PDB file of N, CA and C in Angstrom:
ATOM      1  N   MET A   1      88.939  89.461  80.104  1.00  0.00           N
ATOM      2  CA  MET A   1      88.857  88.742  81.376  1.00  0.00           C
ATOM      3  C   MET A   1      90.266  87.991  81.714  1.00  0.00           C
ATOM      4  N   VAL A   2      90.676  88.079  82.744  1.00  0.00           N
ATOM      5  CA  VAL A   2      91.975  87.332  83.230  1.00  0.00           C
ATOM      6  C   VAL A   2      91.669  85.913  83.647  1.00  0.00           C
ATOM      7  N   GLN A   3      92.316  85.016  83.263  1.00  0.00           N
ATOM      8  CA  GLN A   3      92.195  83.551  83.496  1.00  0.00           C
ATOM      9  C   GLN A   3      93.520  83.220  84.709  1.00  0.00           C
ATOM     10  N   ALA A   4      93.278  82.505  85.395  1.00  0.00           N
ATOM     11  CA  ALA A   4      94.114  82.027  86.781  1.00  0.00           C
ATOM     12  C   ALA A   4      94.084  80.632  86.977  1.00  0.00           C
ATOM     13  N   MET A   5      94.929  80.169  87.312  1.00  0.00           N
ATOM     14  CA  MET A   5      95.088  78.640  87.784  1.00  0.00           C
ATOM     15  C   MET A   5      95.381  78.733  89.204  1.00  0.00           C
ATOM     16  N   ILE A   6      94.315  78.298  89.942  1.00  0.00           N
ATOM     17  CA  ILE A   6      94.630  78.037  91.713  1.00  0.00           C
ATOM     18  C   ILE A   6      94.383  76.931  92.102  1.00  0.00           C
ATOM     19  N   GLN A   7      94.995  76.953  93.262  1.00  0.00           N
ATOM     20  CA  GLN A   7      94.961  75.313  94.017  1.00  0.00           C
ATOM     21  C   GLN A   7      94.030  75.925  95.276  1.00  0.00           C
ATOM     22  N   ILE A   8      93.196  74.999  95.525  1.00  0.00           N
ATOM     23  CA  ILE A   8      92.049  75.340  96.876  1.00  0.00           C
ATOM     24  C   ILE A   8      91.860  74.022  97.534  1.00  0.00           C
ATOM     25  N   SER A   9      91.608  74.283  99.061  1.00  0.00           N
ATOM     26  CA  SER A   9      91.580  73.217  99.540  1.00  0.00           C
ATOM     27  C   SER A   9      90.386  72.420  99.450  1.00  0.00           C
ATOM     28  N   LYS A  10      89.911  71.457 100.044  1.00  0.00           N
ATOM     29  CA  LYS A  10      88.715  70.864 100.199  1.00  0.00           C
ATOM     30  C   LYS A  10      87.452  71.442 100.435  1.00  0.00           C
ATOM     31  N   GLU A  11      87.786  71.917 101.584  1.00  0.00           N
ATOM     32  CA  GLU A  11      86.853  72.881 102.464  1.00  0.00           C
ATOM     33  C   GLU A  11      86.201  74.006 101.365  1.00  0.00           C
ATOM     34  N   VAL A  12      87.300  74.882 100.766  1.00  0.00           N
ATOM     35  CA  VAL A  12      87.185  75.720  99.970  1.00  0.00           C
ATOM     36  C   VAL A  12      86.257  75.353  99.029  1.00  0.00           C
ATOM     37  N   ASN A  13      86.625  74.230  98.207  1.00  0.00           N
ATOM     38  CA  ASN A  13      85.903  73.929  97.088  1.00  0.00           C
ATOM     39  C   ASN A  13      84.452  73.390  97.622  1.00  0.00           C
ATOM     40  N   GLN A  14      84.248  72.980  98.644  1.00  0.00           N
ATOM     41  CA  GLN A  14      82.747  72.586  99.012  1.00  0.00           C
ATOM     42  C   GLN A  14      82.029  73.999  99.020  1.00  0.00           C
ATOM     43  N   ILE A  15      82.629  75.047  99.858  1.00  0.00           N
ATOM     44  CA  ILE A  15      82.010  76.406  99.822  1.00  0.00           C
ATOM     45  C   ILE A  15      81.724  76.944  98.574  1.00  0.00           C
ATOM     46  N   LEU A  16      82.431  76.891  97.764  1.00  0.00           N
ATOM     47  CA  LEU A  16      82.335  77.202  96.216  1.00  0.00           C
ATOM     48  C   LEU A  16      81.182  76.615  95.548  1.00  0.00           C
ATOM     49  N   ASN A  17      81.176  75.427  95.990  1.00  0.00           N
ATOM     50  CA  ASN A  17      79.917  74.591  95.355  1.00  0.00           C
ATOM     51  C   ASN A  17      78.731  75.010  96.055  1.00  0.00           C
ATOM     52  N   ILE A  18      78.625  75.332  97.222  1.00  0.00           N
ATOM     53  CA  ILE A  18      77.563  76.042  97.805  1.00  0.00           C
ATOM     54  C   ILE A  18      77.171  77.119  97.384  1.00  0.00           C
ATOM     55  N   VAL A  19      77.953  78.118  97.135  1.00  0.00           N
ATOM     56  CA  VAL A  19      77.809  79.517  96.649  1.00  0.00           C
ATOM     57  C   VAL A  19      77.134  79.208  95.001  1.00  0.00           C
ATOM     58  N   LYS A  20      77.697  78.334  94.542  1.00  0.00           N
ATOM     59  CA  LYS A  20      77.392  78.503  93.190  1.00  0.00           C
ATOM     60  C   LYS A  20      76.022  77.617  92.882  1.00  0.00           C
ATOM     61  N   ALA A  21      75.484  76.808  93.676  1.00  0.00           N
ATOM     62  CA  ALA A  21      74.273  76.052  93.743  1.00  0.00           C
ATOM     63  C   ALA A  21      73.126  77.349  94.420  1.00  0.00           C
ATOM     64  N   ARG A  22      73.547  77.949  95.491  1.00  0.00           N
ATOM     65  CA  ARG A  22      72.602  78.863  95.822  1.00  0.00           C
ATOM     66  C   ARG A  22      72.257  80.002  95.065  1.00  0.00           C
ATOM     67  N   TYR A  23      73.164  80.440  94.666  1.00  0.00           N
ATOM     68  CA  TYR A  23      73.011  81.610  93.657  1.00  0.00           C
ATOM     69  C   TYR A  23      72.860  81.111  91.963  1.00  0.00           C
ATOM     70  N   ASP A  24      72.473  80.076  91.645  1.00  0.00           N
ATOM     71  CA  ASP A  24      72.307  79.472  90.616  1.00  0.00           C
ATOM     72  C   ASP A  24      73.643  79.884  89.473  1.00  0.00           C
ATOM     73  N   LEU A  25      74.912  79.847  89.606  1.00  0.00           N
ATOM     74  CA  LEU A  25      75.808  80.247  88.824  1.00  0.00           C
ATOM     75  C   LEU A  25      76.047  78.975  87.981  1.00  0.00           C
ATOM     76  N   LYS A  26      76.842  79.372  86.964  1.00  0.00           N
ATOM     77  CA  LYS A  26      77.325  78.368  85.845  1.00  0.00           C
ATOM     78  C   LYS A  26      78.630  77.702  86.491  1.00  0.00           C
ATOM     79  N   ASP A  27      79.396  78.370  86.928  1.00  0.00           N
ATOM     80  CA  ASP A  27      80.624  77.474  87.199  1.00  0.00           C
ATOM     81  C   ASP A  27      81.299  78.059  88.562  1.00  0.00           C
ATOM     82  N   LYS A  28      82.285  77.650  88.808  1.00  0.00           N
ATOM     83  CA  LYS A  28      83.167  77.920  90.182  1.00  0.00           C
ATOM     84  C   LYS A  28      83.910  79.381  89.979  1.00  0.00           C
ATOM     85  N   SER A  29      83.745  79.679  88.766  1.00  0.00           N
ATOM     86  CA  SER A  29      84.585  81.011  88.539  1.00  0.00           C
ATOM     87  C   SER A  29      83.677  82.199  89.012  1.00  0.00           C
ATOM     88  N   GLN A  30      82.540  81.921  88.449  1.00  0.00           N
ATOM     89  CA  GLN A  30      81.189  82.906  88.878  1.00  0.00           C
ATOM     90  C   GLN A  30      81.266  83.056  90.488  1.00  0.00           C
ATOM     91  N   ALA A  31      81.399  81.759  91.139  1.00  0.00           N
ATOM     92  CA  ALA A  31      81.256  81.504  92.427  1.00  0.00           C
ATOM     93  C   ALA A  31      82.218  82.368  93.106  1.00  0.00           C
ATOM     94  N   ILE A  32      83.429  82.256  92.658  1.00  0.00           N
ATOM     95  CA  ILE A  32      84.629  82.950  93.318  1.00  0.00           C
ATOM     96  C   ILE A  32      84.567  84.601  92.979  1.00  0.00           C
ATOM     97  N   GLU A  33      83.968  84.987  91.831  1.00  0.00           N
ATOM     98  CA  GLU A  33      83.814  86.137  91.734  1.00  0.00           C
ATOM     99  C   GLU A  33      82.853  86.851  92.459  1.00  0.00           C
ATOM    100  N   LYS A  34      81.652  86.210  92.792  1.00  0.00           N
ATOM    101  CA  LYS A  34      80.719  86.603  93.600  1.00  0.00           C
ATOM    102  C   LYS A  34      81.140  86.580  95.221  1.00  0.00           C
ATOM    103  N   VAL A  35      81.938  85.873  95.613  1.00  0.00           N
ATOM    104  CA  VAL A  35      82.546  86.019  97.003  1.00  0.00           C
ATOM    105  C   VAL A  35      83.363  86.894  97.014  1.00  0.00           C
ATOM    106  N   VAL A  36      84.105  87.251  96.150  1.00  0.00           N
ATOM    107  CA  VAL A  36      85.362  88.026  96.215  1.00  0.00           C
ATOM    108  C   VAL A  36      84.647  89.519  96.053  1.00  0.00           C
ATOM    109  N   LEU A  37      83.549  89.807  95.153  1.00  0.00           N
ATOM    110  CA  LEU A  37      83.014  91.055  95.372  1.00  0.00           C
ATOM    111  C   LEU A  37      82.174  91.416  96.272  1.00  0.00           C
ATOM    112  N   GLU A  38      81.715  90.273  96.929  1.00  0.00           N
ATOM    113  CA  GLU A  38      80.889  90.827  98.205  1.00  0.00           C
ATOM    114  C   GLU A  38      81.750  91.139  99.295  1.00  0.00           C
ATOM    115  N   TYR A  39      83.093  90.197  99.512  1.00  0.00           N
ATOM    116  CA  TYR A  39      84.045  90.693 100.342  1.00  0.00           C
ATOM    117  C   TYR A  39      84.588  91.978 100.308  1.00  0.00           C
ATOM    118  N   GLY A  40      84.759  92.171  98.691  1.00  0.00           N
ATOM    119  CA  GLY A  40      85.326  93.358  98.624  1.00  0.00           C
ATOM    120  C   GLY A  40      84.737  94.622  99.084  1.00  0.00           C
ATOM    121  N   GLN A  41      83.121  94.552  98.813  1.00  0.00           N
ATOM    122  CA  GLN A  41      82.371  95.749  99.156  1.00  0.00           C
ATOM    123  C   GLN A  41      82.682  96.169 100.836  1.00  0.00           C
ATOM    124  N   GLU A  42      82.359  95.060 101.634  1.00  0.00           N
ATOM    125  CA  GLU A  42      82.723  95.327 102.912  1.00  0.00           C
ATOM    126  C   GLU A  42      84.054  95.541 103.384  1.00  0.00           C
ATOM    127  N   PHE A  43      85.219  95.082 102.577  1.00  0.00           N
ATOM    128  CA  PHE A  43      86.292  95.466 102.867  1.00  0.00           C
ATOM    129  C   PHE A  43      86.807  97.076 102.622  1.00  0.00           C
ATOM    130  N   LEU A  44      86.315  96.962 101.325  1.00  0.00           N
ATOM    131  CA  LEU A  44      87.044  98.500 100.853  1.00  0.00           C
ATOM    132  C   LEU A  44      85.898  99.587 100.993  1.00  0.00           C
ATOM    133  N   GLU A  45      84.716  99.420 101.244  1.00  0.00           N
ATOM    134  CA  GLU A  45      83.897 100.212 101.417  1.00  0.00           C
ATOM    135  C   GLU A  45      82.844 100.019 102.527  1.00  0.00           C
ATOM    136  N   PRO A  46      83.313 100.037 103.845  1.00  0.00           N
ATOM    137  CA  PRO A  46      82.681  99.463 105.006  1.00  0.00           C
ATOM    138  C   PRO A  46      81.623 100.647 105.445  1.00  0.00           C
ATOM    139  N   GLY A  47      80.365 100.022 105.821  1.00  0.00           N
ATOM    140  CA  GLY A  47      79.222 100.656 106.192  1.00  0.00           C
ATOM    141  C   GLY A  47      79.548 101.437 107.422  1.00  0.00           C
ATOM    142  N   LEU A  48      78.926 102.394 107.683  1.00  0.00           N
ATOM    143  CA  LEU A  48      79.105 102.872 109.146  1.00  0.00           C
ATOM    144  C   LEU A  48      78.205 102.499 110.093  1.00  0.00           C
ATOM    145  N   ARG A  49      78.865 102.249 111.335  1.00  0.00           N
ATOM    146  CA  ARG A  49      78.136 101.624 112.404  1.00  0.00           C
ATOM    147  C   ARG A  49      76.690 102.594 112.493  1.00  0.00           C
ATOM    148  N   PRO A  50      75.527 101.597 113.054  1.00  0.00           N
ATOM    149  CA  PRO A  50      74.312 102.410 113.334  1.00  0.00           C
ATOM    150  C   PRO A  50      74.489 103.444 114.177  1.00  0.00           C
ATOM    151  N   GLU A  51      74.899 103.151 115.399  1.00  0.00           N
ATOM    152  CA  GLU A  51      75.320 104.132 116.516  1.00  0.00           C
ATOM    153  C   GLU A  51      76.149 105.176 116.224  1.00  0.00           C
ATOM    154  N   PHE A  52      76.890 105.136 115.233  1.00  0.00           N
ATOM    155  CA  PHE A  52      77.606 106.267 114.530  1.00  0.00           C
ATOM    156  C   PHE A  52      76.665 107.075 113.537  1.00  0.00           C
ATOM    157  N   VAL A  53      76.060 106.748 112.803  1.00  0.00           N
ATOM    158  CA  VAL A  53      74.951 107.149 112.094  1.00  0.00           C
ATOM    159  C   VAL A  53      73.990 107.914 113.085  1.00  0.00           C
ATOM    160  N   GLU A  54      73.615 107.462 114.007  1.00  0.00           N
ATOM    161  CA  GLU A  54      72.449 108.207 114.944  1.00  0.00           C
ATOM    162  C   GLU A  54      73.297 109.322 115.660  1.00  0.00           C
ATOM    163  N   LYS A  55      74.685 108.873 116.003  1.00  0.00           N
ATOM    164  CA  LYS A  55      75.358 110.256 116.432  1.00  0.00           C
ATOM    165  C   LYS A  55      75.318 111.377 115.783  1.00  0.00           C
ATOM    166  N   MET A  56      75.746 111.449 114.586  1.00  0.00           N
ATOM    167  CA  MET A  56      76.002 112.360 113.343  1.00  0.00           C
ATOM    168  C   MET A  56      74.420 112.722 113.366  1.00  0.00           C
ATOM    169  N   LYS A  57      73.401 112.139 113.151  1.00  0.00           N
ATOM    170  CA  LYS A  57      72.246 112.811 113.201  1.00  0.00           C
ATOM    171  C   LYS A  57      71.963 113.870 114.305  1.00  0.00           C
ATOM    172  N   VAL A  58      72.310 113.505 115.337  1.00  0.00           N
ATOM    173  CA  VAL A  58      71.930 114.194 116.495  1.00  0.00           C
ATOM    174  C   VAL A  58      72.680 115.457 116.462  1.00  0.00           C
ATOM    175  N   ARG A  59      73.861 115.431 115.890  1.00  0.00           N
ATOM    176  CA  ARG A  59      74.766 116.568 115.936  1.00  0.00           C
ATOM    177  C   ARG A  59      74.480 117.493 114.572  1.00  0.00           C
ATOM    178  N   GLN A  60      73.915 116.998 113.620  1.00  0.00           N
ATOM    179  CA  GLN A  60      73.314 117.881 112.635  1.00  0.00           C
ATOM    180  C   GLN A  60      72.249 118.643 113.108  1.00  0.00           C
ATOM    181  N   GLN A  61      71.609 118.231 114.077  1.00  0.00           N
ATOM    182  CA  GLN A  61      70.421 119.168 114.514  1.00  0.00           C
ATOM    183  C   GLN A  61      70.664 120.011 115.401  1.00  0.00           C
ATOM    184  N   GLU A  62      72.204 119.997 116.066  1.00  0.00           N
ATOM    185  CA  GLU A  62      72.227 120.693 116.963  1.00  0.00           C
ATOM    186  C   GLU A  62      72.649 122.166 116.626  1.00  0.00           C
ATOM    187  N   LYS A  63      72.618 123.047 117.299  1.00  0.00           N
ATOM    188  CA  LYS A  63      72.677 124.570 116.944  1.00  0.00           C
ATOM    189  C   LYS A  63      74.226 125.020 116.597  1.00  0.00           C
ATOM    190  N   THR A  64      74.426 125.354 115.772  1.00  0.00           N
ATOM    191  CA  THR A  64      76.019 125.856 115.328  1.00  0.00           C
ATOM    192  C   THR A  64      76.236 127.077 116.109  1.00  0.00           C
ATOM    193  N   VAL A  65      77.804 127.288 116.502  1.00  0.00           N
ATOM    194  CA  VAL A  65      78.407 128.435 116.880  1.00  0.00           C
ATOM    195  C   VAL A  65      79.034 129.058 115.858  1.00  0.00           C
ATOM    196  N   LYS A  66      78.920 130.420 115.486  1.00  0.00           N
ATOM    197  CA  LYS A  66      79.676 131.152 114.732  1.00  0.00           C
ATOM    198  C   LYS A  66      81.109 131.923 115.513  1.00  0.00           C
ATOM    199  N   VAL A  67      82.123 131.562 115.002  1.00  0.00           N
ATOM    200  CA  VAL A  67      83.319 132.149 115.634  1.00  0.00           C
ATOM    201  C   VAL A  67      83.814 133.249 114.618  1.00  0.00           C
ATOM    202  N   SER A  68      83.935 134.672 115.409  1.00  0.00           N
ATOM    203  CA  SER A  68      84.546 135.661 114.186  1.00  0.00           C
ATOM    204  C   SER A  68      85.933 135.862 114.237  1.00  0.00           C
ATOM    205  N   ASP A  69      86.667 135.454 115.517  1.00  0.00           N
ATOM    206  CA  ASP A  69      88.029 135.511 115.534  1.00  0.00           C
ATOM    207  C   ASP A  69      88.599 134.345 116.157  1.00  0.00           C
ATOM    208  N   PHE A  70      89.034 133.239 115.561  1.00  0.00           N
ATOM    209  CA  PHE A  70      89.426 132.085 115.845  1.00  0.00           C
ATOM    210  C   PHE A  70      90.624 132.300 116.802  1.00  0.00           C
ATOM    211  N   LYS A  71      91.371 133.362 116.812  1.00  0.00           N
ATOM    212  CA  LYS A  71      92.627 133.667 117.361  1.00  0.00           C
ATOM    213  C   LYS A  71      92.423 133.637 118.791  1.00  0.00           C
ATOM    214  N   LYS A  72      91.176 134.171 119.310  1.00  0.00           N
ATOM    215  CA  LYS A  72      91.011 134.330 120.794  1.00  0.00           C
ATOM    216  C   LYS A  72      90.808 132.896 121.230  1.00  0.00           C
ATOM    217  N   PHE A  73      90.528 131.971 120.482  1.00  0.00           N
ATOM    218  CA  PHE A  73      90.448 130.538 121.043  1.00  0.00           C
ATOM    219  C   PHE A  73      91.637 129.822 121.094  1.00  0.00           C
ATOM    220  N   THR A  74      92.858 130.291 120.724  1.00  0.00           N
ATOM    221  CA  THR A  74      94.133 129.679 120.435  1.00  0.00           C
ATOM    222  C   THR A  74      95.129 130.152 121.342  1.00  0.00           C
ATOM    223  N   ASN A  75      96.000 129.204 121.892  1.00  0.00           N
ATOM    224  CA  ASN A  75      97.096 129.818 122.778  1.00  0.00           C
ATOM    225  C   ASN A  75      98.054 130.408 122.104  1.00  0.00           C
ATOM    226  N   PRO A  76      98.645 131.495 122.563  1.00  0.00           N
ATOM    227  CA  PRO A  76      99.667 132.506 121.929  1.00  0.00           C
ATOM    228  C   PRO A  76     100.989 131.764 122.199  1.00  0.00           C
TER     229      PRO A  76
END
């Protein structure tokens, strides 16, 4: 585990106290970890928008077209 000394504003301190209380965490370190991991999931692995998912479901059901010679469809 890595240790870090950080400076936070009063507002951030209050938010961490709320997170700590809401999730019954032992200390602010766990609250910081919870907040960062939740943000990280949204930031690093964003979910697909529902309208995009629906669009892809419709496309999966469409009939595919086989192309035997791709050169016929390209410009010389």
